[in-house]
Structures are given as C-alpha cells and as structure tokens.
C-alpha atoms as a PDB file:
ATOM      1  CA  PHE A   1     -66.983 -47.365 -22.946  1.00  0.00           C
ATOM      2  CA  GLU A   2     -65.061 -44.701 -21.029  1.00  0.00           C
ATOM      3  CA  GLY A   3     -68.085 -44.077 -18.815  1.00  0.00           C
ATOM      4  CA  CYS A   4     -68.079 -47.732 -17.699  1.00  0.00           C
ATOM      5  CA  ALA A   5     -64.479 -47.781 -16.487  1.00  0.00           C
ATOM      6  CA  THR A   6     -64.129 -47.063 -12.783  1.00  0.00           C
ATOM      7  CA  PHE A   7     -60.337 -47.284 -12.670  1.00  0.00           C
ATOM      8  CA  THR A   8     -57.323 -48.041 -14.822  1.00  0.00           C
ATOM      9  CA  ALA A   9     -54.184 -49.944 -13.933  1.00  0.00           C
ATOM     10  CA  ALA A  10     -50.977 -50.799 -15.724  1.00  0.00           C
ATOM     11  CA  GLY A  11     -49.990 -54.442 -15.952  1.00  0.00           C
ATOM     12  CA  GLU A  12     -46.985 -55.482 -13.928  1.00  0.00           C
ATOM     13  CA  VAL A  13     -44.583 -58.140 -15.089  1.00  0.00           C
ATOM     14  CA  LEU A  14     -43.638 -60.378 -12.188  1.00  0.00           C
ATOM     15  CA  PRO A  15     -40.389 -62.349 -12.177  1.00  0.00           C
ATOM     16  CA  ALA A  16     -41.145 -65.801 -13.555  1.00  0.00           C
ATOM     17  CA  ALA A  17     -39.392 -68.998 -14.576  1.00  0.00           C
ATOM     18  CA  MET A  18     -40.648 -71.126 -17.460  1.00  0.00           C
ATOM     19  CA  LEU A  19     -39.362 -74.623 -18.018  1.00  0.00           C
ATOM     20  CA  PHE A  20     -40.104 -76.452 -21.268  1.00  0.00           C
ATOM     21  CA  VAL A  21     -40.447 -80.232 -20.776  1.00  0.00           C
ATOM     22  CA  LEU A  22     -40.059 -81.828 -24.193  1.00  0.00           C
ATOM     23  CA  ASP A  23     -40.856 -85.391 -25.248  1.00  0.00           C
ATOM     24  CA  MET A  24     -37.984 -86.863 -27.286  1.00  0.00           C
ATOM     25  CA  SER A  25     -39.312 -90.415 -27.433  1.00  0.00           C
ATOM     26  CA  ALA A  26     -39.327 -92.367 -30.700  1.00  0.00           C
ATOM     27  CA  SER A  27     -42.966 -91.527 -31.437  1.00  0.00           C
ATOM     28  CA  MET A  28     -41.987 -87.843 -31.815  1.00  0.00           C
ATOM     29  CA  THR A  29     -40.141 -88.735 -35.055  1.00  0.00           C
ATOM     30  CA  THR A  30     -43.418 -89.412 -36.867  1.00  0.00           C
ATOM     31  CA  GLY A  31     -45.640 -86.825 -38.490  1.00  0.00           C
ATOM     32  CA  ASN A  32     -43.208 -83.902 -38.046  1.00  0.00           C
ATOM     33  CA  LYS A  33     -44.027 -83.792 -34.331  1.00  0.00           C
ATOM     34  CA  TYR A  34     -40.485 -83.015 -33.222  1.00  0.00           C
ATOM     35  CA  SER A  35     -39.882 -80.368 -35.892  1.00  0.00           C
ATOM     36  CA  SER A  36     -43.198 -78.732 -34.944  1.00  0.00           C
ATOM     37  CA  ALA A  37     -42.143 -78.748 -31.273  1.00  0.00           C
ATOM     38  CA  GLN A  38     -38.732 -77.265 -32.166  1.00  0.00           C
ATOM     39  CA  LEU A  39     -40.359 -74.469 -34.136  1.00  0.00           C
ATOM     40  CA  ALA A  40     -42.970 -73.767 -31.445  1.00  0.00           C
ATOM     41  CA  ILE A  41     -40.373 -73.437 -28.680  1.00  0.00           C
ATOM     42  CA  ALA A  42     -37.934 -71.361 -30.749  1.00  0.00           C
ATOM     43  CA  THR A  43     -40.651 -69.024 -32.031  1.00  0.00           C
ATOM     44  CA  ALA A  44     -42.288 -68.528 -28.641  1.00  0.00           C
ATOM     45  CA  MET A  45     -39.139 -67.916 -26.614  1.00  0.00           C
ATOM     46  CA  ASP A  46     -37.868 -65.288 -29.087  1.00  0.00           C
ATOM     47  CA  LYS A  47     -40.957 -63.127 -28.618  1.00  0.00           C
ATOM     48  CA  ASP A  48     -40.413 -59.904 -26.683  1.00  0.00           C
ATOM     49  CA  GLU A  49     -42.890 -61.118 -24.060  1.00  0.00           C
ATOM     50  CA  PHE A  50     -40.257 -63.675 -23.021  1.00  0.00           C
ATOM     51  CA  ASP A  51     -37.598 -61.001 -22.410  1.00  0.00           C
ATOM     52  CA  ASN A  52     -36.172 -61.191 -18.885  1.00  0.00           C
ATOM     53  CA  LEU A  53     -38.058 -64.411 -18.223  1.00  0.00           C
ATOM     54  CA  ASP A  54     -36.032 -67.258 -16.734  1.00  0.00           C
ATOM     55  CA  LEU A  55     -36.080 -70.152 -19.205  1.00  0.00           C
ATOM     56  CA  GLY A  56     -34.864 -73.756 -19.212  1.00  0.00           C
ATOM     57  CA  LEU A  57     -35.354 -77.105 -20.949  1.00  0.00           C
ATOM     58  CA  VAL A  58     -35.901 -80.684 -19.761  1.00  0.00           C
ATOM     59  CA  THR A  59     -36.121 -83.500 -22.294  1.00  0.00           C
ATOM     60  CA  PHE A  60     -37.173 -87.094 -21.893  1.00  0.00           C
ATOM     61  CA  PRO A  61     -36.329 -89.927 -22.054  1.00  0.00           C
ATOM     62  CA  ALA A  62     -32.737 -89.122 -21.169  1.00  0.00           C
ATOM     63  CA  SER A  63     -31.339 -92.615 -20.646  1.00  0.00           C
ATOM     64  CA  TYR A  64     -32.106 -96.296 -20.370  1.00  0.00           C
ATOM     65  CA  SER A  65     -33.315 -97.995 -17.229  1.00  0.00           C
ATOM     66  CA  SER A  66     -33.760-101.633 -16.307  1.00  0.00           C
ATOM     67  CA  PRO A  67     -36.916-103.177 -17.736  1.00  0.00           C
ATOM     68  CA  PRO A  68     -39.528-104.313 -15.234  1.00  0.00           C
ATOM     69  CA  GLN A  69     -39.255-108.009 -14.393  1.00  0.00           C
ATOM     70  CA  CYS A  70     -42.880-108.521 -15.417  1.00  0.00           C
ATOM     71  CA  LEU A  71     -41.853-108.084 -19.057  1.00  0.00           C
ATOM     72  CA  CYS A  72     -39.389-110.940 -18.922  1.00  0.00           C
ATOM     73  CA  SER A  73     -41.584-113.083 -16.678  1.00  0.00           C
ATOM     74  CA  GLN A  74     -44.286-112.856 -19.349  1.00  0.00           C
ATOM     75  CA  LEU A  75     -41.900-114.693 -21.676  1.00  0.00           C
ATOM     76  CA  GLY A  76     -41.449-117.499 -19.160  1.00  0.00           C
ATOM     77  CA  THR A  77     -37.710-116.991 -18.820  1.00  0.00           C
ATOM     78  CA  ASN A  78     -35.743-117.331 -15.607  1.00  0.00           C
ATOM     79  CA  ALA A  79     -32.807-115.373 -16.995  1.00  0.00           C
ATOM     80  CA  PRO A  80     -32.060-111.932 -15.559  1.00  0.00           C
ATOM     81  CA  CYS A  81     -34.362-109.428 -17.212  1.00  0.00           C
ATOM     82  CA  ASP A  82     -31.575-107.033 -18.264  1.00  0.00           C
ATOM     83  CA  SER A  83     -29.777-109.696 -20.309  1.00  0.00           C
ATOM     84  CA  THR A  84     -33.054-111.061 -21.742  1.00  0.00           C
ATOM     85  CA  TRP A  85     -34.093-107.577 -22.828  1.00  0.00           C
ATOM     86  CA  GLN A  86     -30.673-106.853 -24.350  1.00  0.00           C
ATOM     87  CA  ALA A  87     -30.719-110.135 -26.292  1.00  0.00           C
ATOM     88  CA  LEU A  88     -34.197-109.489 -27.692  1.00  0.00           C
ATOM     89  CA  THR A  89     -33.982-105.770 -28.457  1.00  0.00           C
ATOM     90  CA  GLY A  90     -30.292-104.939 -28.715  1.00  0.00           C
ATOM     91  CA  THR A  91     -30.759-102.095 -26.238  1.00  0.00           C
ATOM     92  CA  PRO A  92     -29.392-101.918 -22.691  1.00  0.00           C
ATOM     93  CA  GLY A  93     -32.834-101.341 -21.204  1.00  0.00           C
ATOM     94  CA  VAL A  94     -36.064 -99.437 -21.728  1.00  0.00           C
ATOM     95  CA  SER A  95     -35.853 -95.755 -22.604  1.00  0.00           C
ATOM     96  CA  CYS A  96     -37.487 -94.598 -19.396  1.00  0.00           C
ATOM     97  CA  GLY A  97     -34.641 -92.793 -17.647  1.00  0.00           C
ATOM     98  CA  VAL A  98     -34.979 -89.124 -16.733  1.00  0.00           C
ATOM     99  CA  SER A  99     -32.209 -86.761 -15.715  1.00  0.00           C
ATOM    100  CA  ALA A 100     -32.668 -85.061 -12.351  1.00  0.00           C
ATOM    101  CA  LEU A 101     -31.223 -81.887 -13.892  1.00  0.00           C
ATOM    102  CA  PRO A 102     -32.483 -79.874 -16.857  1.00  0.00           C
ATOM    103  CA  GLN A 103     -30.598 -80.321 -20.127  1.00  0.00           C
ATOM    104  CA  VAL A 104     -30.529 -76.500 -20.330  1.00  0.00           C
ATOM    105  CA  ALA A 105     -30.423 -74.975 -16.856  1.00  0.00           C
ATOM    106  CA  LEU A 106     -32.855 -72.221 -15.919  1.00  0.00           C
ATOM    107  CA  ALA A 107     -31.362 -68.788 -16.505  1.00  0.00           C
ATOM    108  CA  ASN A 108     -32.600 -65.278 -17.196  1.00  0.00           C
ATOM    109  CA  SER A 109     -33.185 -64.678 -20.891  1.00  0.00           C
ATOM    110  CA  GLY A 110     -32.417 -60.977 -20.812  1.00  0.00           C
ATOM    111  CA  THR A 111     -33.250 -59.395 -24.136  1.00  0.00           C
ATOM    112  CA  ASP A 112     -30.888 -61.472 -26.312  1.00  0.00           C
ATOM    113  CA  LYS A 113     -32.741 -63.694 -28.753  1.00  0.00           C
ATOM    114  CA  SER A 114     -31.740 -67.221 -29.792  1.00  0.00           C
ATOM    115  CA  ASN A 115     -29.474 -65.942 -32.593  1.00  0.00           C
ATOM    116  CA  ALA A 116     -27.327 -63.908 -30.181  1.00  0.00           C
ATOM    117  CA  GLY A 117     -24.742 -66.680 -29.916  1.00  0.00           C
ATOM    118  CA  SER A 118     -24.906 -66.872 -26.138  1.00  0.00           C
ATOM    119  CA  GLY A 119     -27.475 -66.890 -23.369  1.00  0.00           C
ATOM    120  CA  VAL A 120     -30.203 -69.310 -22.388  1.00  0.00           C
ATOM    121  CA  ARG A 121     -32.276 -68.765 -25.545  1.00  0.00           C
ATOM    122  CA  SER A 122     -29.265 -69.613 -27.676  1.00  0.00           C
ATOM    123  CA  SER A 123     -28.526 -72.675 -25.518  1.00  0.00           C
ATOM    124  CA  ILE A 124     -32.093 -73.967 -25.877  1.00  0.00           C
ATOM    125  CA  TYR A 125     -32.070 -73.310 -29.633  1.00  0.00           C
ATOM    126  CA  ASN A 126     -28.716 -75.087 -30.063  1.00  0.00           C
ATOM    127  CA  PHE A 127     -29.912 -78.073 -28.024  1.00  0.00           C
ATOM    128  CA  LEU A 128     -33.071 -78.363 -30.142  1.00  0.00           C
ATOM    129  CA  ALA A 129     -31.097 -78.063 -33.375  1.00  0.00           C
ATOM    130  CA  SER A 130     -28.414 -80.593 -32.463  1.00  0.00           C
ATOM    131  CA  ASN A 131     -30.461 -83.315 -30.755  1.00  0.00           C
ATOM    132  CA  THR A 132     -33.075 -85.637 -32.183  1.00  0.00           C
ATOM    133  CA  PRO A 133     -35.612 -87.947 -30.562  1.00  0.00           C
ATOM    134  CA  GLN A 134     -34.561 -91.468 -29.643  1.00  0.00           C
ATOM    135  CA  SER A 135     -35.416 -94.239 -32.033  1.00  0.00           C
ATOM    136  CA  THR A 136     -35.916 -97.302 -29.897  1.00  0.00           C
ATOM    137  CA  GLN A 137     -38.370-100.143 -30.175  1.00  0.00           C
ATOM    138  CA  ASP A 138     -39.961 -99.561 -26.789  1.00  0.00           C
ATOM    139  CA  ASP A 139     -40.762 -95.839 -27.320  1.00  0.00           C
ATOM    140  CA  GLY A 140     -40.616 -95.157 -23.600  1.00  0.00           C
ATOM    141  CA  SER A 141     -42.272 -91.945 -22.452  1.00  0.00           C
ATOM    142  CA  PRO A 142     -41.552 -91.253 -18.782  1.00  0.00           C
ATOM    143  CA  ILE A 143     -43.888 -88.261 -18.750  1.00  0.00           C
ATOM    144  CA  TYR A 144     -44.623 -88.363 -15.022  1.00  0.00           C
ATOM    145  CA  GLU A 145     -40.955 -88.641 -14.067  1.00  0.00           C
ATOM    146  CA  ALA A 146     -39.979 -85.831 -16.470  1.00  0.00           C
ATOM    147  CA  MET A 147     -42.649 -83.538 -15.068  1.00  0.00           C
ATOM    148  CA  LEU A 148     -41.504 -84.370 -11.549  1.00  0.00           C
ATOM    149  CA  ALA A 149     -37.907 -83.475 -12.500  1.00  0.00           C
ATOM    150  CA  GLY A 150     -39.211 -80.227 -13.990  1.00  0.00           C
ATOM    151  CA  TYR A 151     -41.298 -79.388 -10.935  1.00  0.00           C
ATOM    152  CA  ASN A 152     -38.294 -80.006  -8.695  1.00  0.00           C
ATOM    153  CA  ALA A 153     -36.059 -77.790 -10.852  1.00  0.00           C
ATOM    154  CA  LEU A 154     -38.644 -75.008 -10.631  1.00  0.00           C
ATOM    155  CA  LYS A 155     -39.309 -75.570  -6.941  1.00  0.00           C
ATOM    156  CA  PHE A 156     -35.680 -75.041  -5.970  1.00  0.00           C
ATOM    157  CA  TYR A 157     -35.088 -72.160  -8.397  1.00  0.00           C
ATOM    158  CA  ASN A 158     -34.879 -68.920  -6.419  1.00  0.00           C
ATOM    159  CA  GLY A 159     -35.612 -65.325  -7.270  1.00  0.00           C
ATOM    160  CA  VAL A 160     -38.946 -65.705  -9.051  1.00  0.00           C
ATOM    161  CA  GLU A 161     -42.519 -65.397  -7.896  1.00  0.00           C
ATOM    162  CA  ARG A 162     -44.105 -67.457 -10.645  1.00  0.00           C
ATOM    163  CA  ARG A 163     -43.106 -70.879 -11.945  1.00  0.00           C
ATOM    164  CA  ILE A 164     -44.466 -72.299 -15.202  1.00  0.00           C
ATOM    165  CA  LEU A 165     -43.966 -75.784 -16.617  1.00  0.00           C
ATOM    166  CA  VAL A 166     -44.866 -76.319 -20.290  1.00  0.00           C
ATOM    167  CA  LEU A 167     -45.198 -79.983 -21.293  1.00  0.00           C
ATOM    168  CA  ILE A 168     -44.805 -80.735 -24.990  1.00  0.00           C
ATOM    169  CA  THR A 169     -45.632 -84.350 -25.835  1.00  0.00           C
ATOM    170  CA  ASP A 170     -47.579 -86.452 -28.279  1.00  0.00           C
ATOM    171  CA  GLY A 171     -49.004 -88.335 -25.316  1.00  0.00           C
ATOM    172  CA  GLY A 172     -47.307 -91.565 -26.295  1.00  0.00           C
ATOM    173  CA  PHE A 173     -47.292 -94.658 -24.171  1.00  0.00           C
ATOM    174  CA  SER A 174     -46.109 -94.200 -20.629  1.00  0.00           C
ATOM    175  CA  CYS A 175     -43.251 -96.187 -19.217  1.00  0.00           C
ATOM    176  CA  THR A 176     -45.774 -97.686 -16.833  1.00  0.00           C
ATOM    177  CA  SER A 177     -48.129 -98.815 -19.584  1.00  0.00           C
ATOM    178  CA  GLN A 178     -48.550-102.283 -21.009  1.00  0.00           C
ATOM    179  CA  LYS A 179     -47.241-101.138 -24.399  1.00  0.00           C
ATOM    180  CA  LEU A 180     -43.747-102.309 -23.489  1.00  0.00           C
ATOM    181  CA  GLU A 181     -45.089-105.800 -22.926  1.00  0.00           C
ATOM    182  CA  GLU A 182     -46.844-105.727 -26.293  1.00  0.00           C
ATOM    183  CA  VAL A 183     -43.652-104.653 -28.051  1.00  0.00           C
ATOM    184  CA  LEU A 184     -41.673-107.352 -26.309  1.00  0.00           C
ATOM    185  CA  LEU A 185     -44.182-110.055 -27.151  1.00  0.00           C
ATOM    186  CA  ASP A 186     -44.333-108.956 -30.812  1.00  0.00           C
ATOM    187  CA  LEU A 187     -40.576-109.219 -31.339  1.00  0.00           C
ATOM    188  CA  PRO A 188     -39.476-111.981 -33.714  1.00  0.00           C
ATOM    189  CA  ASP A 189     -38.026-115.133 -32.177  1.00  0.00           C
END
C-alpha cells in the first residue's frame, strides 16, 4: 500500500488529564462488580500509554445527605424526615452525598507504576485496595452529582489540553429515582 500513501506523520502525545469516577454504592458489592472495576483501573493506569498522563479518582457516594421530604410524607408522618429516616433505617440519611474534591487529586503519573510506593498511580491503587463500597439499604447512586464534581475538577485543572472523564458504574438507581421510596415503603414496621 506504499503507493497509496501521500504523506506520513508521527503521532503526538498531547498533555491530558484523566479522572476516573467510580461508583462505590452498595450495588457494586454484588457480582464482583467492584473487584472488576478495581482490576480494570489498576491494569489500565499501569500501561505505558498512561505514562506522563495526569490521573485522579473520584468515588461516590461519599457521604450521607438528608432524605427528601417526599419519602417521609409518603409514610404519612409529620415528624422531621431526618429523624424518621434514622429510626427506620438506622442510617443518618441517604447515601447521596458527593465530595466536591477528588478522593485522589489529579497529578502527573510520570513513569512510576502503581507498585512504586509513591505517586498518583500508587495513591489510586492504595485507595482502591483499602476502600470498599458502601453497604446501605438505600443504595444511593448520585451519578450526576459525581460527574459534575469530576467535570469541575477537570475544568479547573491547568496545564493540559485534553480532559477525559471515565465513569465506572453499574448504572444503579439514581438518588433522584423512586427506588428510595420503594425501599422505605418495604421496610418492616
């Protein structure tokens, strides 16, 4: 095919930042989903193609937030929703909170792999190895809010021309879905 080529060019690696946004809701504990996600991230980021790429990690849900009043109103109670929710579930709220900051801040990966003992690859690996998904009854998945936090982290990260957000989720119920109401209504008296 040499006769068909009219020119040749070498590929150029542009500075880029890649932020992994990882679902750590309760549904990720089933079917080896979380362990598959751990392995996928660790394997991918240790490839040479990720050398000198800026990497970071956002996980969700990161905390509890107040349940929507509609959940408690559905039960016909006039009590404050936070205390009603706590009494029924034993949790301080719904697992729909998202941190405004990444759990592992964006930083240049250099050429050190995750087993180097330091660097962003090592930090991501250690976070994945030492943290597990939440196990709560509501299985909150604030996907939109987590992606927004990721987009903002990338938006304000300087020194790169390309910004990449990789969402890893099982697509569980959103914090804005009716699933929370179903869980609440199915709880024993």
